[in-house]
């Protein structure tokens, strides 16, 4: 089974981005509940954060089987 070696690093970056932008996201999208706002943020921008991290930031991006499978999948949401 293919597993990301940098999942912890990715999640740390994702959490940092969400925390930095969550209040604006709540305001722009008229969302009061923080959990709903986090879900909405991930639904809308999670694919972008994953692509930015996995394809451009990750130190193992050139040799990553997980990333290759993910981005070559025809069902990958862009």
PDB file of N, CA and C in Angstrom:
ATOM      1  N   UNK A   1       0.836  -1.185   0.000  1.00  0.00           N
ATOM      2  CA  UNK A   1       0.000   0.000   0.000  1.00  0.00           C
ATOM      3  C   UNK A   1       0.884   1.253   0.000  1.00  0.00           C
ATOM      4  N   UNK A   2       0.566   2.173  -0.870  1.00  0.00           N
ATOM      5  CA  UNK A   2       1.324   3.413  -0.960  1.00  0.00           C
ATOM      6  C   UNK A   2       0.864   4.368   0.125  1.00  0.00           C
ATOM      7  N   UNK A   3       1.847   4.936   0.819  1.00  0.00           N
ATOM      8  CA  UNK A   3       1.517   5.881   1.885  1.00  0.00           C
ATOM      9  C   UNK A   3       2.437   7.093   1.788  1.00  0.00           C
ATOM     10  N   UNK A   4       1.859   8.243   2.039  1.00  0.00           N
ATOM     11  CA  UNK A   4       2.629   9.485   2.039  1.00  0.00           C
ATOM     12  C   UNK A   4       3.583   9.496   3.234  1.00  0.00           C
ATOM     13  N   UNK A   5       4.834   9.847   2.967  1.00  0.00           N
ATOM     14  CA  UNK A   5       5.838   9.936   4.034  1.00  0.00           C
ATOM     15  C   UNK A   5       5.796  11.292   4.727  1.00  0.00           C
ATOM     16  N   UNK A   6       5.052  12.227   4.146  1.00  0.00           N
ATOM     17  CA  UNK A   6       5.055  13.596   4.654  1.00  0.00           C
ATOM     18  C   UNK A   6       3.662  14.082   5.036  1.00  0.00           C
ATOM     19  N   UNK A   7       2.808  13.154   5.390  1.00  0.00           N
ATOM     20  CA  UNK A   7       1.434  13.513   5.722  1.00  0.00           C
ATOM     21  C   UNK A   7       1.379  14.488   6.892  1.00  0.00           C
ATOM     22  N   UNK A   8       2.182  14.273   7.907  1.00  0.00           N
ATOM     23  CA  UNK A   8       2.191  15.176   9.056  1.00  0.00           C
ATOM     24  C   UNK A   8       2.572  16.591   8.633  1.00  0.00           C
ATOM     25  N   UNK A   9       3.593  16.717   7.791  1.00  0.00           N
ATOM     26  CA  UNK A   9       4.014  18.029   7.310  1.00  0.00           C
ATOM     27  C   UNK A   9       2.903  18.693   6.489  1.00  0.00           C
ATOM     28  N   UNK A  10       2.258  17.912   5.626  1.00  0.00           N
ATOM     29  CA  UNK A  10       1.169  18.455   4.817  1.00  0.00           C
ATOM     30  C   UNK A  10       0.036  18.941   5.705  1.00  0.00           C
ATOM     31  N   UNK A  11      -0.366  18.138   6.673  1.00  0.00           N
ATOM     32  CA  UNK A  11      -1.468  18.518   7.565  1.00  0.00           C
ATOM     33  C   UNK A  11      -1.092  19.773   8.353  1.00  0.00           C
ATOM     34  N   UNK A  12       0.142  19.880   8.789  1.00  0.00           N
ATOM     35  CA  UNK A  12       0.579  21.083   9.513  1.00  0.00           C
ATOM     36  C   UNK A  12       0.448  22.326   8.633  1.00  0.00           C
ATOM     37  N   UNK A  13       0.836  22.217   7.370  1.00  0.00           N
ATOM     38  CA  UNK A  13       0.710  23.345   6.439  1.00  0.00           C
ATOM     39  C   UNK A  13      -0.763  23.664   6.206  1.00  0.00           C
ATOM     40  N   UNK A  14      -1.564  22.639   6.000  1.00  0.00           N
ATOM     41  CA  UNK A  14      -2.997  22.830   5.751  1.00  0.00           C
ATOM     42  C   UNK A  14      -3.670  23.529   6.937  1.00  0.00           C
ATOM     43  N   UNK A  15      -3.378  23.086   8.137  1.00  0.00           N
ATOM     44  CA  UNK A  15      -3.949  23.703   9.340  1.00  0.00           C
ATOM     45  C   UNK A  15      -3.519  25.164   9.442  1.00  0.00           C
ATOM     46  N   UNK A  16      -2.258  25.433   9.170  1.00  0.00           N
ATOM     47  CA  UNK A  16      -1.751  26.803   9.220  1.00  0.00           C
ATOM     48  C   UNK A  16      -2.487  27.711   8.236  1.00  0.00           C
ATOM     49  N   UNK A  17      -2.690  27.247   7.014  1.00  0.00           N
ATOM     50  CA  UNK A  17      -3.385  28.033   5.996  1.00  0.00           C
ATOM     51  C   UNK A  17      -4.837  28.266   6.408  1.00  0.00           C
ATOM     52  N   UNK A  18      -5.493  27.231   6.870  1.00  0.00           N
ATOM     53  CA  UNK A  18      -6.902  27.361   7.279  1.00  0.00           C
ATOM     54  C   UNK A  18      -7.027  28.356   8.426  1.00  0.00           C
ATOM     55  N   UNK A  19      -6.179  28.236   9.433  1.00  0.00           N
ATOM     56  CA  UNK A  19      -6.252  29.156  10.577  1.00  0.00           C
ATOM     57  C   UNK A  19      -6.039  30.602  10.149  1.00  0.00           C
ATOM     58  N   UNK A  20      -5.113  30.810   9.227  1.00  0.00           N
ATOM     59  CA  UNK A  20      -4.790  32.160   8.782  1.00  0.00           C
ATOM     60  C   UNK A  20      -5.948  32.797   8.005  1.00  0.00           C
ATOM     61  N   UNK A  21      -6.747  32.001   7.317  1.00  0.00           N
ATOM     62  CA  UNK A  21      -7.773  32.542   6.431  1.00  0.00           C
ATOM     63  C   UNK A  21      -9.213  32.255   6.862  1.00  0.00           C
ATOM     64  N   UNK A  22      -9.400  31.540   7.952  1.00  0.00           N
ATOM     65  CA  UNK A  22     -10.732  31.076   8.316  1.00  0.00           C
ATOM     66  C   UNK A  22     -11.704  32.214   8.614  1.00  0.00           C
ATOM     67  N   UNK A  23     -11.282  33.215   9.353  1.00  0.00           N
ATOM     68  CA  UNK A  23     -12.211  34.305   9.679  1.00  0.00           C
ATOM     69  C   UNK A  23     -12.693  35.032   8.423  1.00  0.00           C
ATOM     70  N   UNK A  24     -11.796  35.300   7.497  1.00  0.00           N
ATOM     71  CA  UNK A  24     -12.207  35.922   6.233  1.00  0.00           C
ATOM     72  C   UNK A  24     -13.133  34.990   5.451  1.00  0.00           C
ATOM     73  N   UNK A  25     -12.806  33.722   5.441  1.00  0.00           N
ATOM     74  CA  UNK A  25     -13.634  32.743   4.729  1.00  0.00           C
ATOM     75  C   UNK A  25     -15.044  32.702   5.320  1.00  0.00           C
ATOM     76  N   UNK A  26     -15.128  32.717   6.635  1.00  0.00           N
ATOM     77  CA  UNK A  26     -16.446  32.736   7.290  1.00  0.00           C
ATOM     78  C   UNK A  26     -17.228  33.977   6.881  1.00  0.00           C
ATOM     79  N   UNK A  27     -16.567  35.122   6.903  1.00  0.00           N
ATOM     80  CA  UNK A  27     -17.243  36.374   6.589  1.00  0.00           C
ATOM     81  C   UNK A  27     -17.701  36.409   5.125  1.00  0.00           C
ATOM     82  N   UNK A  28     -16.791  36.071   4.208  1.00  0.00           N
ATOM     83  CA  UNK A  28     -17.120  36.121   2.778  1.00  0.00           C
ATOM     84  C   UNK A  28     -18.224  35.142   2.393  1.00  0.00           C
ATOM     85  N   UNK A  29     -18.291  34.022   3.094  1.00  0.00           N
ATOM     86  CA  UNK A  29     -19.262  32.983   2.750  1.00  0.00           C
ATOM     87  C   UNK A  29     -20.471  32.957   3.674  1.00  0.00           C
ATOM     88  N   UNK A  30     -20.554  33.932   4.565  1.00  0.00           N
ATOM     89  CA  UNK A  30     -21.695  34.045   5.488  1.00  0.00           C
ATOM     90  C   UNK A  30     -21.904  32.751   6.286  1.00  0.00           C
ATOM     91  N   UNK A  31     -20.796  32.267   6.851  1.00  0.00           N
ATOM     92  CA  UNK A  31     -20.824  31.045   7.649  1.00  0.00           C
ATOM     93  C   UNK A  31     -20.517  31.431   9.094  1.00  0.00           C
ATOM     94  N   UNK A  32     -21.411  31.086  10.003  1.00  0.00           N
ATOM     95  CA  UNK A  32     -21.212  31.418  11.414  1.00  0.00           C
ATOM     96  C   UNK A  32     -20.427  30.345  12.165  1.00  0.00           C
ATOM     97  N   UNK A  33     -20.712  29.096  11.887  1.00  0.00           N
ATOM     98  CA  UNK A  33     -20.118  27.981  12.619  1.00  0.00           C
ATOM     99  C   UNK A  33     -18.693  27.696  12.117  1.00  0.00           C
ATOM    100  N   UNK A  34     -17.748  27.639  13.035  1.00  0.00           N
ATOM    101  CA  UNK A  34     -16.353  27.424  12.658  1.00  0.00           C
ATOM    102  C   UNK A  34     -16.129  26.066  12.000  1.00  0.00           C
ATOM    103  N   UNK A  35     -16.764  25.014  12.522  1.00  0.00           N
ATOM    104  CA  UNK A  35     -16.605  23.688  11.920  1.00  0.00           C
ATOM    105  C   UNK A  35     -17.160  23.646  10.503  1.00  0.00           C
ATOM    106  N   UNK A  36     -18.304  24.282  10.287  1.00  0.00           N
ATOM    107  CA  UNK A  36     -18.869  24.358   8.943  1.00  0.00           C
ATOM    108  C   UNK A  36     -17.944  25.129   8.009  1.00  0.00           C
ATOM    109  N   UNK A  37     -17.322  26.172   8.540  1.00  0.00           N
ATOM    110  CA  UNK A  37     -16.401  26.979   7.738  1.00  0.00           C
ATOM    111  C   UNK A  37     -15.157  26.177   7.356  1.00  0.00           C
ATOM    112  N   UNK A  38     -14.628  25.398   8.288  1.00  0.00           N
ATOM    113  CA  UNK A  38     -13.464  24.560   7.990  1.00  0.00           C
ATOM    114  C   UNK A  38     -13.818  23.553   6.902  1.00  0.00           C
ATOM    115  N   UNK A  39     -14.970  22.907   7.036  1.00  0.00           N
ATOM    116  CA  UNK A  39     -15.400  21.931   6.032  1.00  0.00           C
ATOM    117  C   UNK A  39     -15.547  22.600   4.676  1.00  0.00           C
ATOM    118  N   UNK A  40     -16.176  23.755   4.636  1.00  0.00           N
ATOM    119  CA  UNK A  40     -16.367  24.476   3.388  1.00  0.00           C
ATOM    120  C   UNK A  40     -15.027  24.884   2.773  1.00  0.00           C
ATOM    121  N   UNK A  41     -14.113  25.356   3.609  1.00  0.00           N
ATOM    122  CA  UNK A  41     -12.783  25.752   3.141  1.00  0.00           C
ATOM    123  C   UNK A  41     -12.071  24.567   2.499  1.00  0.00           C
ATOM    124  N   UNK A  42     -12.105  23.419   3.174  1.00  0.00           N
ATOM    125  CA  UNK A  42     -11.437  22.216   2.650  1.00  0.00           C
ATOM    126  C   UNK A  42     -12.117  21.745   1.373  1.00  0.00           C
ATOM    127  N   UNK A  43     -13.459  21.775   1.351  1.00  0.00           N
ATOM    128  CA  UNK A  43     -14.179  21.379   0.133  1.00  0.00           C
ATOM    129  C   UNK A  43     -13.790  22.255  -1.046  1.00  0.00           C
ATOM    130  N   UNK A  44     -13.634  23.541  -0.810  1.00  0.00           N
ATOM    131  CA  UNK A  44     -13.341  24.481  -1.888  1.00  0.00           C
ATOM    132  C   UNK A  44     -11.865  24.554  -2.250  1.00  0.00           C
ATOM    133  N   UNK A  45     -10.987  24.452  -1.263  1.00  0.00           N
ATOM    134  CA  UNK A  45      -9.565  24.720  -1.505  1.00  0.00           C
ATOM    135  C   UNK A  45      -8.624  23.576  -1.138  1.00  0.00           C
ATOM    136  N   UNK A  46      -9.162  22.487  -0.597  1.00  0.00           N
ATOM    137  CA  UNK A  46      -8.311  21.364  -0.201  1.00  0.00           C
ATOM    138  C   UNK A  46      -7.512  20.798  -1.361  1.00  0.00           C
ATOM    139  N   UNK A  47      -8.165  20.690  -2.526  1.00  0.00           N
ATOM    140  CA  UNK A  47      -7.477  20.168  -3.705  1.00  0.00           C
ATOM    141  C   UNK A  47      -6.290  21.065  -4.079  1.00  0.00           C
ATOM    142  N   UNK A  48      -6.469  22.365  -3.938  1.00  0.00           N
ATOM    143  CA  UNK A  48      -5.405  23.307  -4.291  1.00  0.00           C
ATOM    144  C   UNK A  48      -4.232  23.197  -3.318  1.00  0.00           C
ATOM    145  N   UNK A  49      -4.549  23.112  -2.031  1.00  0.00           N
ATOM    146  CA  UNK A  49      -3.479  22.975  -1.032  1.00  0.00           C
ATOM    147  C   UNK A  49      -2.710  21.681  -1.256  1.00  0.00           C
ATOM    148  N   UNK A  50      -3.449  20.598  -1.554  1.00  0.00           N
ATOM    149  CA  UNK A  50      -2.801  19.304  -1.792  1.00  0.00           C
ATOM    150  C   UNK A  50      -1.897  19.389  -3.023  1.00  0.00           C
ATOM    151  N   UNK A  51      -2.403  19.992  -4.092  1.00  0.00           N
ATOM    152  CA  UNK A  51      -1.595  20.088  -5.304  1.00  0.00           C
ATOM    153  C   UNK A  51      -0.363  20.970  -5.082  1.00  0.00           C
ATOM    154  N   UNK A  52      -0.534  22.098  -4.429  1.00  0.00           N
ATOM    155  CA  UNK A  52       0.604  22.986  -4.170  1.00  0.00           C
ATOM    156  C   UNK A  52       1.661  22.270  -3.328  1.00  0.00           C
ATOM    157  N   UNK A  53       1.211  21.572  -2.284  1.00  0.00           N
ATOM    158  CA  UNK A  53       2.179  20.894  -1.421  1.00  0.00           C
ATOM    159  C   UNK A  53       2.835  19.722  -2.149  1.00  0.00           C
ATOM    160  N   UNK A  54       2.009  18.838  -2.677  1.00  0.00           N
ATOM    161  CA  UNK A  54       2.537  17.590  -3.242  1.00  0.00           C
ATOM    162  C   UNK A  54       3.330  17.794  -4.531  1.00  0.00           C
ATOM    163  N   UNK A  55       2.891  18.703  -5.376  1.00  0.00           N
ATOM    164  CA  UNK A  55       3.555  18.873  -6.665  1.00  0.00           C
ATOM    165  C   UNK A  55       4.641  19.940  -6.660  1.00  0.00           C
ATOM    166  N   UNK A  56       4.660  20.800  -5.654  1.00  0.00           N
ATOM    167  CA  UNK A  56       5.607  21.909  -5.704  1.00  0.00           C
ATOM    168  C   UNK A  56       6.478  22.074  -4.460  1.00  0.00           C
ATOM    169  N   UNK A  57       5.999  21.647  -3.303  1.00  0.00           N
ATOM    170  CA  UNK A  57       6.729  21.898  -2.062  1.00  0.00           C
ATOM    171  C   UNK A  57       7.421  20.648  -1.509  1.00  0.00           C
ATOM    172  N   UNK A  58       6.749  19.522  -1.577  1.00  0.00           N
ATOM    173  CA  UNK A  58       7.265  18.290  -0.958  1.00  0.00           C
ATOM    174  C   UNK A  58       8.657  17.938  -1.467  1.00  0.00           C
ATOM    175  N   UNK A  59       9.531  17.607  -0.536  1.00  0.00           N
ATOM    176  CA  UNK A  59      10.911  17.269  -0.902  1.00  0.00           C
ATOM    177  C   UNK A  59      11.000  15.972  -1.696  1.00  0.00           C
ATOM    178  N   UNK A  60       9.979  15.117  -1.620  1.00  0.00           N
ATOM    179  CA  UNK A  60       9.978  13.851  -2.356  1.00  0.00           C
ATOM    180  C   UNK A  60       9.061  13.882  -3.577  1.00  0.00           C
ATOM    181  N   UNK A  61       8.711  15.059  -4.055  1.00  0.00           N
ATOM    182  CA  UNK A  61       7.735  15.191  -5.137  1.00  0.00           C
ATOM    183  C   UNK A  61       8.143  14.459  -6.416  1.00  0.00           C
ATOM    184  N   UNK A  62       9.427  14.364  -6.677  1.00  0.00           N
ATOM    185  CA  UNK A  62       9.895  13.713  -7.908  1.00  0.00           C
ATOM    186  C   UNK A  62       9.755  12.196  -7.863  1.00  0.00           C
ATOM    187  N   UNK A  63       9.757  11.627  -6.677  1.00  0.00           N
ATOM    188  CA  UNK A  63       9.736  10.168  -6.538  1.00  0.00           C
ATOM    189  C   UNK A  63       8.522   9.657  -5.776  1.00  0.00           C
ATOM    190  N   UNK A  64       7.440  10.424  -5.753  1.00  0.00           N
ATOM    191  CA  UNK A  64       6.297  10.058  -4.931  1.00  0.00           C
ATOM    192  C   UNK A  64       5.254   9.276  -5.731  1.00  0.00           C
ATOM    193  N   UNK A  65       5.048   8.013  -5.352  1.00  0.00           N
ATOM    194  CA  UNK A  65       4.034   7.189  -6.005  1.00  0.00           C
ATOM    195  C   UNK A  65       2.628   7.651  -5.654  1.00  0.00           C
ATOM    196  N   UNK A  66       2.419   8.141  -4.435  1.00  0.00           N
ATOM    197  CA  UNK A  66       1.093   8.612  -4.005  1.00  0.00           C
ATOM    198  C   UNK A  66       0.656   9.797  -4.852  1.00  0.00           C
ATOM    199  N   UNK A  67       1.538  10.751  -4.995  1.00  0.00           N
ATOM    200  CA  UNK A  67       1.235  11.955  -5.756  1.00  0.00           C
ATOM    201  C   UNK A  67       0.977  11.613  -7.217  1.00  0.00           C
ATOM    202  N   UNK A  68       1.792  10.755  -7.773  1.00  0.00           N
ATOM    203  CA  UNK A  68       1.621  10.359  -9.168  1.00  0.00           C
ATOM    204  C   UNK A  68       0.257   9.714  -9.385  1.00  0.00           C
ATOM    205  N   UNK A  69      -0.129   8.813  -8.511  1.00  0.00           N
ATOM    206  CA  UNK A  69      -1.442   8.161  -8.615  1.00  0.00           C
ATOM    207  C   UNK A  69      -2.568   9.178  -8.463  1.00  0.00           C
ATOM    208  N   UNK A  70      -2.440  10.070  -7.506  1.00  0.00           N
ATOM    209  CA  UNK A  70      -3.484  11.054  -7.229  1.00  0.00           C
ATOM    210  C   UNK A  70      -3.705  11.979  -8.416  1.00  0.00           C
ATOM    211  N   UNK A  71      -2.663  12.537  -8.953  1.00  0.00           N
ATOM    212  CA  UNK A  71      -2.808  13.545  -9.994  1.00  0.00           C
ATOM    213  C   UNK A  71      -3.029  12.952 -11.383  1.00  0.00           C
ATOM    214  N   UNK A  72      -2.789  11.663 -11.533  1.00  0.00           N
ATOM    215  CA  UNK A  72      -3.090  11.011 -12.808  1.00  0.00           C
ATOM    216  C   UNK A  72      -4.475  10.380 -12.822  1.00  0.00           C
ATOM    217  N   UNK A  73      -5.165  10.428 -11.687  1.00  0.00           N
ATOM    218  CA  UNK A  73      -6.499   9.851 -11.573  1.00  0.00           C
ATOM    219  C   UNK A  73      -7.494  10.734 -12.335  1.00  0.00           C
ATOM    220  N   UNK A  74      -8.250  10.133 -13.239  1.00  0.00           N
ATOM    221  CA  UNK A  74      -9.197  10.920 -14.046  1.00  0.00           C
ATOM    222  C   UNK A  74     -10.298  11.536 -13.206  1.00  0.00           C
ATOM    223  N   UNK A  75     -10.522  11.043 -11.992  1.00  0.00           N
ATOM    224  CA  UNK A  75     -11.549  11.579 -11.115  1.00  0.00           C
ATOM    225  C   UNK A  75     -11.023  12.676 -10.190  1.00  0.00           C
ATOM    226  N   UNK A  76      -9.734  13.029 -10.336  1.00  0.00           N
ATOM    227  CA  UNK A  76      -9.143  14.049  -9.485  1.00  0.00           C
ATOM    228  C   UNK A  76      -9.839  15.371  -9.719  1.00  0.00           C
ATOM    229  N   UNK A  77     -10.299  15.970  -8.650  1.00  0.00           N
ATOM    230  CA  UNK A  77     -11.039  17.245  -8.723  1.00  0.00           C
ATOM    231  C   UNK A  77     -10.070  18.395  -8.874  1.00  0.00           C
ATOM    232  N   UNK A  78     -10.219  19.142  -9.929  1.00  0.00           N
ATOM    233  CA  UNK A  78      -9.392  20.332 -10.151  1.00  0.00           C
ATOM    234  C   UNK A  78     -10.228  21.556  -9.949  1.00  0.00           C
TER     235      UNK A  78
END
